[in-house]
Protein backbone atom coordinates (compact mmCIF):
# COMPACT_ATOMS: atom_id res chain seq x y z
CA MET A 1 -46.66 -114.03 9.81
CA PRO A 2 -43.19 -114.92 8.46
CA VAL A 3 -41.40 -117.66 10.32
CA ASP A 4 -37.92 -116.74 11.54
CA LEU A 5 -35.61 -119.59 12.58
CA ALA A 6 -32.02 -119.46 13.77
CA ARG A 7 -29.36 -119.44 11.08
CA PRO A 8 -28.64 -123.04 10.08
CA VAL A 9 -25.23 -124.49 10.81
CA LEU A 10 -23.30 -127.43 9.38
CA ASP A 11 -22.40 -129.13 12.65
CA PRO A 12 -21.49 -132.85 12.58
CA THR A 13 -22.24 -133.04 16.33
CA PHE A 14 -25.85 -131.76 15.85
CA GLY A 15 -25.37 -129.77 19.04
CA ASP A 16 -25.10 -132.95 21.09
CA PRO A 17 -22.98 -132.14 24.19
CA VAL A 18 -21.37 -135.60 24.35
CA ALA A 19 -20.53 -135.45 20.66
CA ARG A 20 -19.06 -131.97 21.04
CA ASP A 21 -16.88 -133.04 23.95
CA LEU A 22 -15.80 -136.10 22.01
CA ALA A 23 -14.88 -134.10 18.93
CA LYS A 24 -12.85 -131.68 21.04
CA ALA A 25 -11.07 -134.45 22.97
CA THR A 26 -10.13 -136.52 19.93
CA ALA A 27 -8.94 -133.43 18.07
CA HIS A 28 -6.23 -133.27 20.75
CA GLY A 29 -5.56 -137.01 20.81
CA ASP A 30 -7.32 -137.59 24.15
CA LYS A 31 -8.69 -141.16 24.04
CA ALA A 32 -10.19 -141.36 27.54
CA LEU A 33 -13.65 -140.06 26.64
CA LEU A 34 -13.65 -142.10 23.44
CA ARG A 35 -13.03 -145.30 25.41
CA ARG A 36 -15.89 -144.49 27.81
CA VAL A 37 -18.33 -143.61 25.03
CA ALA A 38 -17.50 -146.74 23.05
CA ALA A 39 -17.92 -148.95 26.13
CA ASP A 40 -20.97 -147.30 27.72
CA THR A 41 -23.22 -146.37 24.77
CA ASP A 42 -25.78 -149.15 24.40
CA ASP A 43 -27.82 -147.91 21.44
CA PRO A 44 -25.96 -149.03 18.27
CA ASP A 45 -27.13 -146.10 16.15
CA ARG A 46 -26.11 -143.52 18.73
CA ARG A 47 -22.80 -145.30 19.21
CA SER A 48 -22.26 -145.27 15.44
CA PHE A 49 -22.95 -141.53 15.35
CA LEU A 50 -20.57 -140.78 18.23
CA LEU A 51 -17.77 -142.94 16.82
CA GLY A 52 -18.21 -141.17 13.49
CA VAL A 53 -17.71 -137.82 15.22
CA ALA A 54 -14.61 -139.16 16.99
CA VAL A 55 -12.80 -140.06 13.75
CA ASP A 56 -13.92 -137.04 11.73
CA HIS A 57 -10.61 -135.17 11.58
CA PRO A 58 -8.69 -133.97 8.51
CA GLY A 59 -5.31 -135.35 7.50
CA ARG A 60 -3.89 -138.33 9.37
CA PRO A 61 -3.54 -137.58 13.12
CA GLU A 62 -0.47 -139.23 14.59
CA TRP A 63 -2.30 -140.63 17.62
CA ILE A 64 -4.67 -142.54 15.32
CA VAL A 65 -1.78 -144.00 13.35
CA ARG A 66 0.12 -145.10 16.49
CA TRP A 67 -2.71 -146.43 18.62
CA PRO A 68 -3.07 -149.98 17.15
CA ASP A 69 0.69 -150.46 17.34
CA GLU A 70 0.67 -149.41 20.99
CA GLU A 71 -2.32 -151.62 21.86
CA PRO A 72 -2.47 -154.37 19.22
CA GLU A 73 -5.23 -156.31 21.04
CA GLU A 74 -7.50 -153.26 21.42
CA ALA A 75 -10.37 -153.54 18.93
CA LEU A 76 -11.28 -149.86 19.30
CA ALA A 77 -7.77 -148.81 18.25
CA HIS A 78 -7.97 -150.78 15.00
CA PHE A 79 -11.51 -149.58 14.40
CA VAL A 80 -10.57 -145.91 14.82
CA ARG A 81 -7.59 -146.17 12.47
CA GLY A 82 -9.67 -148.07 9.93
CA ALA A 83 -12.69 -145.76 10.07
CA HIS A 84 -10.47 -142.70 9.85
CA GLY A 85 -8.58 -144.39 7.01
CA ILE A 86 -11.77 -144.37 4.95
CA LEU A 87 -12.11 -140.60 5.38
CA TRP A 88 -8.41 -140.20 4.59
CA ALA A 89 -8.86 -142.29 1.43
CA TRP A 90 -11.69 -140.08 0.24
CA GLU A 91 -9.56 -137.01 0.91
CA ALA A 92 -7.17 -138.40 -1.71
CA ARG A 93 -9.91 -139.34 -4.17
CA GLY A 94 -12.14 -136.30 -3.84
CA ASN A 95 -15.91 -136.40 -4.34
CA ALA A 96 -16.02 -136.19 -8.14
CA ARG A 97 -17.36 -139.00 -10.29
CA ALA A 98 -14.84 -141.54 -11.59
CA GLY A 99 -14.43 -139.82 -14.97
CA MET A 100 -13.19 -136.67 -13.24
CA THR A 101 -10.69 -138.45 -10.96
CA SER A 102 -7.03 -138.85 -11.95
CA GLU A 103 -5.09 -142.13 -11.98
CA GLU A 104 -2.83 -140.80 -9.23
CA GLN A 105 -5.85 -139.99 -7.07
CA PHE A 106 -7.25 -143.47 -7.60
CA ARG A 107 -3.92 -145.08 -6.77
CA GLU A 108 -3.63 -143.23 -3.46
CA PHE A 109 -7.31 -143.83 -2.74
CA HIS A 110 -7.00 -147.60 -3.15
CA GLN A 111 -3.79 -147.76 -1.12
CA ARG A 112 -5.34 -145.90 1.81
CA LEU A 113 -8.58 -147.85 1.56
CA ALA A 114 -6.74 -151.19 1.58
CA GLY A 115 -5.07 -150.14 4.84
CA ALA A 116 -8.46 -149.23 6.29
CA GLU A 117 -9.81 -152.62 5.24
CA ARG A 118 -7.02 -154.43 7.11
CA ASP A 119 -7.62 -152.43 10.27
CA LEU A 120 -11.38 -152.96 10.19
CA VAL A 121 -11.06 -156.69 9.58
CA ARG A 122 -8.76 -156.87 12.62
CA ALA A 123 -11.28 -154.87 14.69
CA ALA A 124 -14.05 -157.24 13.65
CA VAL A 125 -11.99 -160.24 14.76
CA LEU A 126 -11.18 -158.66 18.12
CA ALA A 127 -14.81 -157.53 18.72
CA PRO A 128 -16.98 -160.23 17.12
CA ASP A 129 -20.27 -158.90 18.53
CA ASP A 130 -19.72 -155.27 17.51
CA PRO A 131 -21.58 -154.28 14.32
CA GLU A 132 -19.53 -151.13 13.76
CA PRO A 133 -16.39 -152.58 12.08
CA ARG A 134 -18.66 -154.56 9.76
CA VAL A 135 -20.67 -151.44 8.94
CA GLN A 136 -17.50 -149.60 7.96
CA LEU A 137 -16.40 -152.59 5.86
CA LEU A 138 -19.36 -151.87 3.58
CA THR A 139 -17.58 -148.71 2.46
CA THR A 140 -14.24 -150.41 1.86
CA ALA A 141 -16.00 -153.13 -0.15
CA ARG A 142 -17.60 -150.46 -2.32
CA GLY A 143 -14.44 -148.43 -2.81
CA LEU A 144 -12.28 -151.48 -3.52
CA GLN A 145 -14.93 -152.76 -5.95
CA LEU A 146 -15.27 -156.17 -4.31
CA GLY A 147 -18.64 -156.76 -5.95
CA THR A 148 -22.31 -156.92 -5.01
CA GLN A 149 -22.11 -160.43 -3.58
CA GLU A 150 -19.41 -159.43 -1.09
CA LEU A 151 -21.31 -156.25 -0.26
CA CYS A 152 -24.44 -158.27 0.51
CA HIS A 153 -22.41 -160.68 2.63
CA ARG A 154 -21.00 -157.82 4.70
CA PHE A 155 -24.40 -156.18 5.06
CA ALA A 156 -25.81 -159.45 6.39
CA LYS A 157 -22.95 -159.67 8.92
CA ALA A 158 -23.55 -156.11 10.12
CA THR A 159 -27.33 -156.39 10.41
CA ALA A 160 -27.09 -159.77 12.14
CA ARG A 161 -25.67 -157.75 15.04
CA HIS A 162 -28.20 -154.89 14.78
CA PRO A 163 -31.01 -155.49 12.25
CA TRP A 164 -31.98 -151.86 11.66
CA HIS A 165 -28.59 -150.19 11.86
CA TYR A 166 -29.22 -146.92 10.03
CA ARG A 167 -25.70 -146.33 8.74
CA ALA A 168 -25.40 -149.91 7.49
CA HIS A 169 -28.53 -149.37 5.40
CA THR A 170 -27.45 -146.03 3.94
CA LEU A 171 -24.02 -147.44 3.03
CA MET A 172 -25.60 -150.50 1.43
CA LEU A 173 -27.88 -148.25 -0.62
CA GLN A 174 -24.86 -146.38 -1.95
CA GLY A 175 -23.19 -149.68 -2.79
CA VAL A 176 -26.07 -150.85 -4.98
CA ALA A 177 -26.65 -147.45 -6.63
CA PRO A 178 -25.88 -147.11 -10.35
CA LYS A 179 -22.89 -144.85 -9.73
CA TRP A 180 -21.15 -147.71 -7.88
CA SER A 181 -21.81 -150.40 -10.49
CA GLY A 182 -25.25 -151.26 -9.14
CA SER A 183 -28.48 -150.48 -10.93
CA SER A 184 -31.62 -148.41 -10.48
CA ALA A 185 -33.71 -151.57 -10.09
CA LEU A 186 -31.39 -153.03 -7.45
CA MET A 187 -31.26 -149.72 -5.57
CA PHE A 188 -35.03 -149.23 -5.46
CA ASN A 189 -35.73 -152.88 -4.64
CA PHE A 190 -33.39 -152.65 -1.67
CA ALA A 191 -34.70 -149.26 -0.52
CA ARG A 192 -38.40 -150.15 -0.78
CA SER A 193 -38.13 -153.62 0.73
CA ARG A 194 -36.08 -152.51 3.73
CA ALA A 195 -38.17 -149.37 4.27
CA ALA A 196 -41.38 -151.42 4.18
CA GLU A 197 -40.08 -153.82 6.83
CA ALA A 198 -38.51 -151.19 9.10
CA PRO A 199 -40.15 -150.36 12.44
CA VAL A 200 -42.40 -147.31 12.42
CA GLY A 201 -40.31 -144.22 13.14
CA SER A 202 -37.07 -145.81 11.97
CA ALA A 203 -35.00 -143.52 9.76
CA VAL A 204 -34.41 -146.55 7.52
CA ALA A 205 -37.69 -145.57 5.83
CA SER A 206 -35.81 -142.62 4.29
CA LEU A 207 -33.86 -145.01 2.04
CA VAL A 208 -36.62 -144.48 -0.51
CA VAL A 209 -35.96 -140.74 -0.46
CA GLU A 210 -32.23 -141.31 -0.99
CA ALA A 211 -32.96 -143.57 -3.94
CA HIS A 212 -35.05 -140.84 -5.57
CA ILE A 213 -32.30 -138.29 -4.96
CA GLU A 214 -29.74 -140.63 -6.57
CA THR A 215 -32.02 -140.91 -9.60
CA TRP A 216 -32.55 -137.15 -9.75
CA VAL A 217 -28.78 -136.55 -9.70
CA ASP A 218 -28.42 -138.63 -12.85
CA GLU A 219 -31.23 -136.84 -14.72
CA PRO A 220 -29.57 -134.61 -17.37
CA ASP A 221 -30.30 -130.89 -17.12
CA ASP A 222 -33.27 -131.47 -14.85
CA GLU A 223 -33.29 -129.41 -11.67
CA THR A 224 -36.79 -130.27 -10.48
CA GLY A 225 -38.79 -132.24 -13.07
CA TYR A 226 -38.14 -135.75 -11.77
CA LEU A 227 -38.80 -134.84 -8.14
CA ALA A 228 -42.02 -133.03 -9.09
CA ALA A 229 -43.52 -136.14 -10.69
CA PRO A 230 -46.80 -137.06 -8.92
CA ASP A 231 -45.79 -140.68 -8.24
CA VAL A 232 -42.48 -139.55 -6.74
CA GLN A 233 -44.12 -136.94 -4.52
CA ARG A 234 -46.73 -139.48 -3.44
CA GLU A 235 -44.03 -141.89 -2.30
CA LEU A 236 -42.17 -139.10 -0.50
CA ARG A 237 -45.31 -138.11 1.40
CA ALA A 238 -45.78 -141.71 2.53
CA VAL A 239 -42.25 -141.74 3.92
CA ALA A 240 -42.83 -138.42 5.69
CA ALA A 241 -45.98 -139.82 7.32
CA ARG A 242 -44.04 -142.84 8.62
CA LEU A 243 -41.31 -140.63 10.07
CA LYS A 244 -43.63 -138.13 11.76
CA GLU A 245 -43.18 -139.81 15.13
CA ALA A 246 -39.46 -140.52 14.72
CA PRO A 247 -37.33 -139.77 17.81
CA ASP A 248 -35.08 -136.73 17.72
CA THR A 249 -31.81 -138.31 16.58
CA PRO A 250 -29.10 -137.41 14.05
CA ALA A 251 -30.52 -140.09 11.73
CA ALA A 252 -33.99 -138.54 11.91
CA LEU A 253 -32.57 -135.06 11.28
CA ARG A 254 -30.72 -136.37 8.23
CA ALA A 255 -33.95 -137.98 7.00
CA ALA A 256 -35.77 -134.67 7.47
CA ASN A 257 -33.09 -132.91 5.40
CA LEU A 258 -33.57 -135.46 2.61
CA LEU A 259 -37.33 -134.95 2.67
CA ALA A 260 -37.08 -131.15 2.83
CA PHE A 261 -34.77 -131.22 -0.20
CA THR A 262 -37.05 -133.42 -2.29
CA PHE A 263 -40.24 -131.60 -1.35
CA ALA A 264 -38.69 -128.18 -1.93
CA LEU A 265 -37.23 -129.05 -5.31
CA GLY A 266 -40.40 -130.91 -6.24
CA GLY A 267 -42.48 -127.78 -5.61
CA ASP A 268 -44.38 -128.87 -2.49
CA ASP A 269 -43.49 -125.98 -0.20
CA GLU A 270 -46.10 -126.92 2.40
CA ALA A 271 -44.63 -130.41 2.89
CA ALA A 272 -41.12 -128.93 2.78
CA ALA A 273 -42.01 -126.41 5.48
CA GLU A 274 -43.03 -129.20 7.86
CA GLN A 275 -39.62 -130.82 7.42
CA PHE A 276 -37.74 -127.52 7.78
CA ARG A 277 -39.50 -126.91 11.10
CA ALA A 278 -38.42 -130.36 12.30
CA ILE A 279 -34.83 -129.68 11.20
CA GLY A 280 -34.49 -126.34 12.96
CA SER A 281 -30.90 -125.20 12.45
CA HIS A 282 -29.40 -128.67 11.86
CA VAL A 283 -28.53 -128.70 8.17
CA THR A 284 -26.70 -131.77 6.84
CA GLU A 285 -24.18 -131.72 4.02
CA SER A 286 -26.11 -134.34 2.06
CA PRO A 287 -28.13 -133.67 -0.06
CA TRP A 288 -27.68 -129.89 -0.15
CA GLN A 289 -24.17 -130.20 -1.60
CA TYR A 290 -25.79 -131.19 -4.90
CA LEU A 291 -26.98 -127.59 -5.33
CA ALA A 292 -23.85 -125.65 -4.30
CA ARG A 293 -20.64 -126.01 -2.33
CA ASP A 294 -22.04 -123.70 0.31
CA VAL A 295 -24.70 -126.04 1.69
CA VAL A 296 -25.90 -123.54 4.29
CA THR A 297 -26.74 -121.03 1.57
CA SER A 298 -28.60 -123.67 -0.46
CA PHE A 299 -30.51 -124.86 2.58
CA THR A 300 -31.40 -121.33 3.68
CA LYS A 301 -32.69 -120.36 0.24
CA TYR A 302 -35.20 -123.18 0.10
CA ARG A 303 -36.08 -122.99 3.78
CA ASP A 304 -36.92 -119.30 3.52
CA ARG A 305 -39.05 -119.88 0.45
CA ALA A 306 -41.01 -122.68 2.14
CA LEU A 307 -41.47 -121.02 5.53
CA ASN A 308 -42.09 -117.48 4.33
CA PRO A 309 -44.31 -117.79 1.23
CA ALA A 310 -45.05 -114.59 -0.61
């Protein structure tokens, strides 16, 4: 019998009621809930997710710009302006590869990113035990091209405060990927070593999947061949087995999207179907944006094929 699931949605809150309330409040410049969430959320990965939702607003909201000037000793104020500054910098740059980005875009990108760096450094000084400013500083290091040594130094600082911080690991992987002046060997060494050491059920195991997707993206005129390779599919199945008991978190849902993508494009519809069932309606922008701008359409096409075989 065909499987019929609800229409997928691209929702950065993943339907989480606290995240939805936080997104709504911060869209109107209401900081009260943000302060409570930042202070009361003990799990670092959940806190990272919620703070990410809080700063995810287009343009440059005036309340974010003003807050550190109004409360110069408030670490959260500097963090929010810095974390939002990263998103604002990428708005200027766009998501194209370097060869498709203009000098003017790069100039604005670096200017905005340098401001974000200053804010995040200040937040890290004011909140020395908080991993989150240091996690965000991985992105500024990458964008400002501060080099692999500095990136590794910042990663060590972040993970000293929370060893298996999921976002720190995914940002570090991007920093050592070939497209950011890393290399394939460095990327896979990092992904495999950290995934092997990660606790069972940790979404950090999905770093290996991301590394394969990064490699696939760089394969010329090859929609599925690389991902269909037996050794690649074997490694993906091992990751899926490790994540089978993962808790229901945004990180786990993102990992399931990565696995569904690689299994579907690699031709293993049965393995893809298992991931699509775990995902439900929670599609993530990455990696489906590699297929089309309309990620929901891309996701739905492959989900329907896997769940409703002819």
